[in-house]
């Protein structure tokens, strides 16, 4: 039985089928599509925490605090 990638409909290799069995994510993906989804998740995580890390850029953080105080 041939398994196809849920995204691009290419036939999965034996190795890709084994990976999907070991680490199920709900859909069958080829290696390329799996890497694409991983990169998208990394970008989402990066964007979600970049605002939390503003305090480490101290000059910009101080300027942001001063601007907020002026607005009040």
PDB file of N, CA and C in Angstrom:
ATOM      1  N   UNK A   1       0.847  -1.186   0.000  1.00  0.00           N
ATOM      2  CA  UNK A   1       0.000   0.000   0.000  1.00  0.00           C
ATOM      3  C   UNK A   1       0.890   1.246   0.000  1.00  0.00           C
ATOM      4  N   UNK A   2       0.582   2.167  -0.869  1.00  0.00           N
ATOM      5  CA  UNK A   2       1.355   3.398  -0.976  1.00  0.00           C
ATOM      6  C   UNK A   2       0.763   4.472  -0.064  1.00  0.00           C
ATOM      7  N   UNK A   3       1.647   5.158   0.650  1.00  0.00           N
ATOM      8  CA  UNK A   3       1.223   6.267   1.493  1.00  0.00           C
ATOM      9  C   UNK A   3       1.645   7.561   0.815  1.00  0.00           C
ATOM     10  N   UNK A   4       0.762   8.549   0.858  1.00  0.00           N
ATOM     11  CA  UNK A   4       1.035   9.831   0.229  1.00  0.00           C
ATOM     12  C   UNK A   4       1.112  10.922   1.287  1.00  0.00           C
ATOM     13  N   UNK A   5       1.918  11.914   1.000  1.00  0.00           N
ATOM     14  CA  UNK A   5       2.029  13.081   1.871  1.00  0.00           C
ATOM     15  C   UNK A   5       0.700  13.830   1.874  1.00  0.00           C
ATOM     16  N   UNK A   6       0.260  14.247   3.035  1.00  0.00           N
ATOM     17  CA  UNK A   6      -1.014  14.961   3.165  1.00  0.00           C
ATOM     18  C   UNK A   6      -0.971  16.335   2.511  1.00  0.00           C
ATOM     19  N   UNK A   7       0.209  16.897   2.379  1.00  0.00           N
ATOM     20  CA  UNK A   7       0.349  18.255   1.852  1.00  0.00           C
ATOM     21  C   UNK A   7       0.581  18.274   0.340  1.00  0.00           C
ATOM     22  N   UNK A   8       1.586  17.525  -0.118  1.00  0.00           N
ATOM     23  CA  UNK A   8       1.984  17.629  -1.530  1.00  0.00           C
ATOM     24  C   UNK A   8       1.667  16.377  -2.349  1.00  0.00           C
ATOM     25  N   UNK A   9       1.112  15.368  -1.737  1.00  0.00           N
ATOM     26  CA  UNK A   9       0.681  14.125  -2.394  1.00  0.00           C
ATOM     27  C   UNK A   9       1.806  13.353  -3.069  1.00  0.00           C
ATOM     28  N   UNK A  10       3.033  13.484  -2.561  1.00  0.00           N
ATOM     29  CA  UNK A  10       4.119  12.650  -3.071  1.00  0.00           C
ATOM     30  C   UNK A  10       4.152  11.353  -2.280  1.00  0.00           C
ATOM     31  N   UNK A  11       4.648  10.308  -2.899  1.00  0.00           N
ATOM     32  CA  UNK A  11       4.720   9.019  -2.229  1.00  0.00           C
ATOM     33  C   UNK A  11       5.797   9.056  -1.158  1.00  0.00           C
ATOM     34  N   UNK A  12       5.465   8.540   0.025  1.00  0.00           N
ATOM     35  CA  UNK A  12       6.412   8.541   1.130  1.00  0.00           C
ATOM     36  C   UNK A  12       7.365   7.359   1.009  1.00  0.00           C
ATOM     37  N   UNK A  13       8.615   7.625   1.365  1.00  0.00           N
ATOM     38  CA  UNK A  13       9.607   6.547   1.381  1.00  0.00           C
ATOM     39  C   UNK A  13       9.400   5.707   2.641  1.00  0.00           C
ATOM     40  N   UNK A  14      10.065   4.579   2.689  1.00  0.00           N
ATOM     41  CA  UNK A  14       9.954   3.708   3.865  1.00  0.00           C
ATOM     42  C   UNK A  14      10.434   4.440   5.118  1.00  0.00           C
ATOM     43  N   UNK A  15      11.508   5.193   4.978  1.00  0.00           N
ATOM     44  CA  UNK A  15      12.046   5.966   6.101  1.00  0.00           C
ATOM     45  C   UNK A  15      11.035   7.001   6.605  1.00  0.00           C
ATOM     46  N   UNK A  16      10.390   7.703   5.680  1.00  0.00           N
ATOM     47  CA  UNK A  16       9.401   8.721   6.069  1.00  0.00           C
ATOM     48  C   UNK A  16       8.192   8.085   6.751  1.00  0.00           C
ATOM     49  N   UNK A  17       7.788   6.910   6.314  1.00  0.00           N
ATOM     50  CA  UNK A  17       6.678   6.200   6.957  1.00  0.00           C
ATOM     51  C   UNK A  17       7.061   5.821   8.375  1.00  0.00           C
ATOM     52  N   UNK A  18       8.284   5.327   8.550  1.00  0.00           N
ATOM     53  CA  UNK A  18       8.759   4.970   9.890  1.00  0.00           C
ATOM     54  C   UNK A  18       8.791   6.191  10.805  1.00  0.00           C
ATOM     55  N   UNK A  19       9.256   7.328  10.286  1.00  0.00           N
ATOM     56  CA  UNK A  19       9.276   8.556  11.091  1.00  0.00           C
ATOM     57  C   UNK A  19       7.871   8.970  11.508  1.00  0.00           C
ATOM     58  N   UNK A  20       6.932   8.870  10.586  1.00  0.00           N
ATOM     59  CA  UNK A  20       5.552   9.236  10.899  1.00  0.00           C
ATOM     60  C   UNK A  20       4.940   8.294  11.924  1.00  0.00           C
ATOM     61  N   UNK A  21       5.361   7.034  11.941  1.00  0.00           N
ATOM     62  CA  UNK A  21       4.870   6.091  12.939  1.00  0.00           C
ATOM     63  C   UNK A  21       5.498   6.359  14.300  1.00  0.00           C
ATOM     64  N   UNK A  22       6.796   6.694  14.303  1.00  0.00           N
ATOM     65  CA  UNK A  22       7.487   6.970  15.568  1.00  0.00           C
ATOM     66  C   UNK A  22       7.034   8.279  16.206  1.00  0.00           C
ATOM     67  N   UNK A  23       6.839   9.307  15.373  1.00  0.00           N
ATOM     68  CA  UNK A  23       6.488  10.638  15.867  1.00  0.00           C
ATOM     69  C   UNK A  23       5.226  11.131  15.158  1.00  0.00           C
ATOM     70  N   UNK A  24       4.068  10.619  15.537  1.00  0.00           N
ATOM     71  CA  UNK A  24       2.836  11.009  14.838  1.00  0.00           C
ATOM     72  C   UNK A  24       2.443  12.455  15.142  1.00  0.00           C
ATOM     73  N   UNK A  25       2.019  13.164  14.100  1.00  0.00           N
ATOM     74  CA  UNK A  25       1.555  14.547  14.256  1.00  0.00           C
ATOM     75  C   UNK A  25       0.122  14.711  13.763  1.00  0.00           C
ATOM     76  N   UNK A  26      -0.519  13.583  13.434  1.00  0.00           N
ATOM     77  CA  UNK A  26      -1.905  13.648  12.985  1.00  0.00           C
ATOM     78  C   UNK A  26      -2.072  13.468  11.496  1.00  0.00           C
ATOM     79  N   UNK A  27      -1.071  13.855  10.722  1.00  0.00           N
ATOM     80  CA  UNK A  27      -1.099  13.712   9.262  1.00  0.00           C
ATOM     81  C   UNK A  27       0.210  13.082   8.827  1.00  0.00           C
ATOM     82  N   UNK A  28       0.185  12.477   7.658  1.00  0.00           N
ATOM     83  CA  UNK A  28       1.416  11.936   7.088  1.00  0.00           C
ATOM     84  C   UNK A  28       2.080  13.008   6.241  1.00  0.00           C
ATOM     85  N   UNK A  29       3.353  13.289   6.531  1.00  0.00           N
ATOM     86  CA  UNK A  29       4.093  14.304   5.792  1.00  0.00           C
ATOM     87  C   UNK A  29       5.384  13.719   5.255  1.00  0.00           C
ATOM     88  N   UNK A  30       5.787  14.189   4.081  1.00  0.00           N
ATOM     89  CA  UNK A  30       7.117  13.844   3.570  1.00  0.00           C
ATOM     90  C   UNK A  30       8.133  14.687   4.338  1.00  0.00           C
ATOM     91  N   UNK A  31       9.380  14.387   4.126  1.00  0.00           N
ATOM     92  CA  UNK A  31      10.432  15.093   4.876  1.00  0.00           C
ATOM     93  C   UNK A  31      10.436  16.586   4.580  1.00  0.00           C
ATOM     94  N   UNK A  32      10.234  16.970   3.328  1.00  0.00           N
ATOM     95  CA  UNK A  32      10.235  18.391   2.965  1.00  0.00           C
ATOM     96  C   UNK A  32       9.088  19.138   3.646  1.00  0.00           C
ATOM     97  N   UNK A  33       7.877  18.578   3.577  1.00  0.00           N
ATOM     98  CA  UNK A  33       6.722  19.251   4.185  1.00  0.00           C
ATOM     99  C   UNK A  33       6.845  19.299   5.705  1.00  0.00           C
ATOM    100  N   UNK A  34       7.407  18.246   6.303  1.00  0.00           N
ATOM    101  CA  UNK A  34       7.613  18.234   7.751  1.00  0.00           C
ATOM    102  C   UNK A  34       8.565  19.353   8.152  1.00  0.00           C
ATOM    103  N   UNK A  35       9.657  19.520   7.389  1.00  0.00           N
ATOM    104  CA  UNK A  35      10.615  20.597   7.680  1.00  0.00           C
ATOM    105  C   UNK A  35       9.956  21.967   7.518  1.00  0.00           C
ATOM    106  N   UNK A  36       9.092  22.098   6.515  1.00  0.00           N
ATOM    107  CA  UNK A  36       8.394  23.363   6.292  1.00  0.00           C
ATOM    108  C   UNK A  36       7.500  23.699   7.488  1.00  0.00           C
ATOM    109  N   UNK A  37       6.778  22.705   7.999  1.00  0.00           N
ATOM    110  CA  UNK A  37       5.919  22.939   9.155  1.00  0.00           C
ATOM    111  C   UNK A  37       6.743  23.267  10.399  1.00  0.00           C
ATOM    112  N   UNK A  38       7.874  22.613  10.560  1.00  0.00           N
ATOM    113  CA  UNK A  38       8.745  22.908  11.696  1.00  0.00           C
ATOM    114  C   UNK A  38       9.250  24.352  11.636  1.00  0.00           C
ATOM    115  N   UNK A  39       9.655  24.807  10.434  1.00  0.00           N
ATOM    116  CA  UNK A  39      10.133  26.194  10.285  1.00  0.00           C
ATOM    117  C   UNK A  39       9.021  27.188  10.606  1.00  0.00           C
ATOM    118  N   UNK A  40       7.779  26.886  10.200  1.00  0.00           N
ATOM    119  CA  UNK A  40       6.649  27.773  10.502  1.00  0.00           C
ATOM    120  C   UNK A  40       6.406  27.843  12.004  1.00  0.00           C
ATOM    121  N   UNK A  41       6.493  26.700  12.691  1.00  0.00           N
ATOM    122  CA  UNK A  41       6.314  26.693  14.146  1.00  0.00           C
ATOM    123  C   UNK A  41       7.412  27.479  14.851  1.00  0.00           C
ATOM    124  N   UNK A  42       8.641  27.343  14.366  1.00  0.00           N
ATOM    125  CA  UNK A  42       9.759  28.088  14.957  1.00  0.00           C
ATOM    126  C   UNK A  42       9.534  29.585  14.791  1.00  0.00           C
ATOM    127  N   UNK A  43       9.060  30.023  13.618  1.00  0.00           N
ATOM    128  CA  UNK A  43       8.775  31.441  13.401  1.00  0.00           C
ATOM    129  C   UNK A  43       7.680  31.940  14.338  1.00  0.00           C
ATOM    130  N   UNK A  44       6.624  31.146  14.526  1.00  0.00           N
ATOM    131  CA  UNK A  44       5.541  31.541  15.431  1.00  0.00           C
ATOM    132  C   UNK A  44       6.045  31.668  16.862  1.00  0.00           C
ATOM    133  N   UNK A  45       6.870  30.719  17.296  1.00  0.00           N
ATOM    134  CA  UNK A  45       7.439  30.788  18.642  1.00  0.00           C
ATOM    135  C   UNK A  45       8.342  32.002  18.796  1.00  0.00           C
ATOM    136  N   UNK A  46       9.140  32.249  17.777  1.00  0.00           N
ATOM    137  CA  UNK A  46      10.063  33.392  17.814  1.00  0.00           C
ATOM    138  C   UNK A  46       9.296  34.700  17.953  1.00  0.00           C
ATOM    139  N   UNK A  47       8.218  34.846  17.179  1.00  0.00           N
ATOM    140  CA  UNK A  47       7.426  36.069  17.242  1.00  0.00           C
ATOM    141  C   UNK A  47       6.685  36.197  18.570  1.00  0.00           C
ATOM    142  N   UNK A  48       6.285  35.066  19.159  1.00  0.00           N
ATOM    143  CA  UNK A  48       5.527  35.127  20.403  1.00  0.00           C
ATOM    144  C   UNK A  48       6.398  35.542  21.590  1.00  0.00           C
ATOM    145  N   UNK A  49       7.704  35.257  21.545  1.00  0.00           N
ATOM    146  CA  UNK A  49       8.537  35.612  22.691  1.00  0.00           C
ATOM    147  C   UNK A  49       9.414  36.827  22.456  1.00  0.00           C
ATOM    148  N   UNK A  50       9.429  37.373  21.243  1.00  0.00           N
ATOM    149  CA  UNK A  50      10.338  38.493  21.001  1.00  0.00           C
ATOM    150  C   UNK A  50       9.945  39.722  21.825  1.00  0.00           C
ATOM    151  N   UNK A  51       8.682  39.922  22.108  1.00  0.00           N
ATOM    152  CA  UNK A  51       8.277  41.056  22.936  1.00  0.00           C
ATOM    153  C   UNK A  51       8.690  40.859  24.393  1.00  0.00           C
ATOM    154  N   UNK A  52       8.714  39.607  24.850  1.00  0.00           N
ATOM    155  CA  UNK A  52       9.132  39.329  26.218  1.00  0.00           C
ATOM    156  C   UNK A  52      10.621  39.594  26.416  1.00  0.00           C
ATOM    157  N   UNK A  53      11.383  39.529  25.364  1.00  0.00           N
ATOM    158  CA  UNK A  53      12.828  39.707  25.461  1.00  0.00           C
ATOM    159  C   UNK A  53      13.259  41.155  25.276  1.00  0.00           C
ATOM    160  N   UNK A  54      12.318  42.075  25.132  1.00  0.00           N
ATOM    161  CA  UNK A  54      12.651  43.487  24.970  1.00  0.00           C
ATOM    162  C   UNK A  54      13.416  44.040  26.160  1.00  0.00           C
ATOM    163  N   UNK A  55      13.185  43.517  27.351  1.00  0.00           N
ATOM    164  CA  UNK A  55      13.850  44.064  28.537  1.00  0.00           C
ATOM    165  C   UNK A  55      15.356  43.848  28.485  1.00  0.00           C
ATOM    166  N   UNK A  56      15.822  42.896  27.669  1.00  0.00           N
ATOM    167  CA  UNK A  56      17.251  42.662  27.568  1.00  0.00           C
ATOM    168  C   UNK A  56      17.934  43.668  26.649  1.00  0.00           C
ATOM    169  N   UNK A  57      17.159  44.376  25.861  1.00  0.00           N
ATOM    170  CA  UNK A  57      17.701  45.460  25.052  1.00  0.00           C
ATOM    171  C   UNK A  57      17.434  46.741  25.859  1.00  0.00           C
ATOM    172  N   UNK A  58      18.263  46.975  26.856  1.00  0.00           N
ATOM    173  CA  UNK A  58      18.004  47.972  27.887  1.00  0.00           C
ATOM    174  C   UNK A  58      17.742  49.381  27.359  1.00  0.00           C
ATOM    175  N   UNK A  59      18.534  49.928  26.447  1.00  0.00           N
ATOM    176  CA  UNK A  59      18.252  51.295  25.975  1.00  0.00           C
ATOM    177  C   UNK A  59      16.867  51.421  25.325  1.00  0.00           C
ATOM    178  N   UNK A  60      16.490  50.437  24.516  1.00  0.00           N
ATOM    179  CA  UNK A  60      15.164  50.491  23.898  1.00  0.00           C
ATOM    180  C   UNK A  60      14.067  50.329  24.942  1.00  0.00           C
ATOM    181  N   UNK A  61      14.317  49.502  25.952  1.00  0.00           N
ATOM    182  CA  UNK A  61      13.335  49.285  27.018  1.00  0.00           C
ATOM    183  C   UNK A  61      13.121  50.572  27.814  1.00  0.00           C
ATOM    184  N   UNK A  62      14.187  51.281  28.136  1.00  0.00           N
ATOM    185  CA  UNK A  62      14.088  52.548  28.869  1.00  0.00           C
ATOM    186  C   UNK A  62      13.333  53.578  28.033  1.00  0.00           C
ATOM    187  N   UNK A  63      13.650  53.655  26.745  1.00  0.00           N
ATOM    188  CA  UNK A  63      12.951  54.596  25.863  1.00  0.00           C
ATOM    189  C   UNK A  63      11.470  54.261  25.788  1.00  0.00           C
ATOM    190  N   UNK A  64      11.142  52.995  25.756  1.00  0.00           N
ATOM    191  CA  UNK A  64       9.745  52.567  25.714  1.00  0.00           C
ATOM    192  C   UNK A  64       9.019  52.960  27.004  1.00  0.00           C
ATOM    193  N   UNK A  65       9.685  52.784  28.150  1.00  0.00           N
ATOM    194  CA  UNK A  65       9.079  53.169  29.426  1.00  0.00           C
ATOM    195  C   UNK A  65       8.857  54.674  29.508  1.00  0.00           C
ATOM    196  N   UNK A  66       9.834  55.451  29.055  1.00  0.00           N
ATOM    197  CA  UNK A  66       9.684  56.911  29.072  1.00  0.00           C
ATOM    198  C   UNK A  66       8.526  57.368  28.177  1.00  0.00           C
ATOM    199  N   UNK A  67       8.399  56.741  27.029  1.00  0.00           N
ATOM    200  CA  UNK A  67       7.310  57.072  26.110  1.00  0.00           C
ATOM    201  C   UNK A  67       5.966  56.752  26.734  1.00  0.00           C
ATOM    202  N   UNK A  68       5.877  55.625  27.449  1.00  0.00           N
ATOM    203  CA  UNK A  68       4.623  55.272  28.108  1.00  0.00           C
ATOM    204  C   UNK A  68       4.283  56.250  29.216  1.00  0.00           C
ATOM    205  N   UNK A  69       5.304  56.726  29.950  1.00  0.00           N
ATOM    206  CA  UNK A  69       5.071  57.691  31.019  1.00  0.00           C
ATOM    207  C   UNK A  69       4.600  59.036  30.456  1.00  0.00           C
ATOM    208  N   UNK A  70       5.164  59.442  29.313  1.00  0.00           N
ATOM    209  CA  UNK A  70       4.773  60.696  28.696  1.00  0.00           C
ATOM    210  C   UNK A  70       3.322  60.651  28.211  1.00  0.00           C
ATOM    211  N   UNK A  71       2.884  59.492  27.756  1.00  0.00           N
ATOM    212  CA  UNK A  71       1.517  59.363  27.271  1.00  0.00           C
ATOM    213  C   UNK A  71       0.497  59.474  28.391  1.00  0.00           C
ATOM    214  N   UNK A  72       0.908  59.136  29.612  1.00  0.00           N
ATOM    215  CA  UNK A  72      -0.009  59.209  30.764  1.00  0.00           C
ATOM    216  C   UNK A  72      -0.109  60.619  31.202  1.00  0.00           C
TER     217      UNK A  72
END
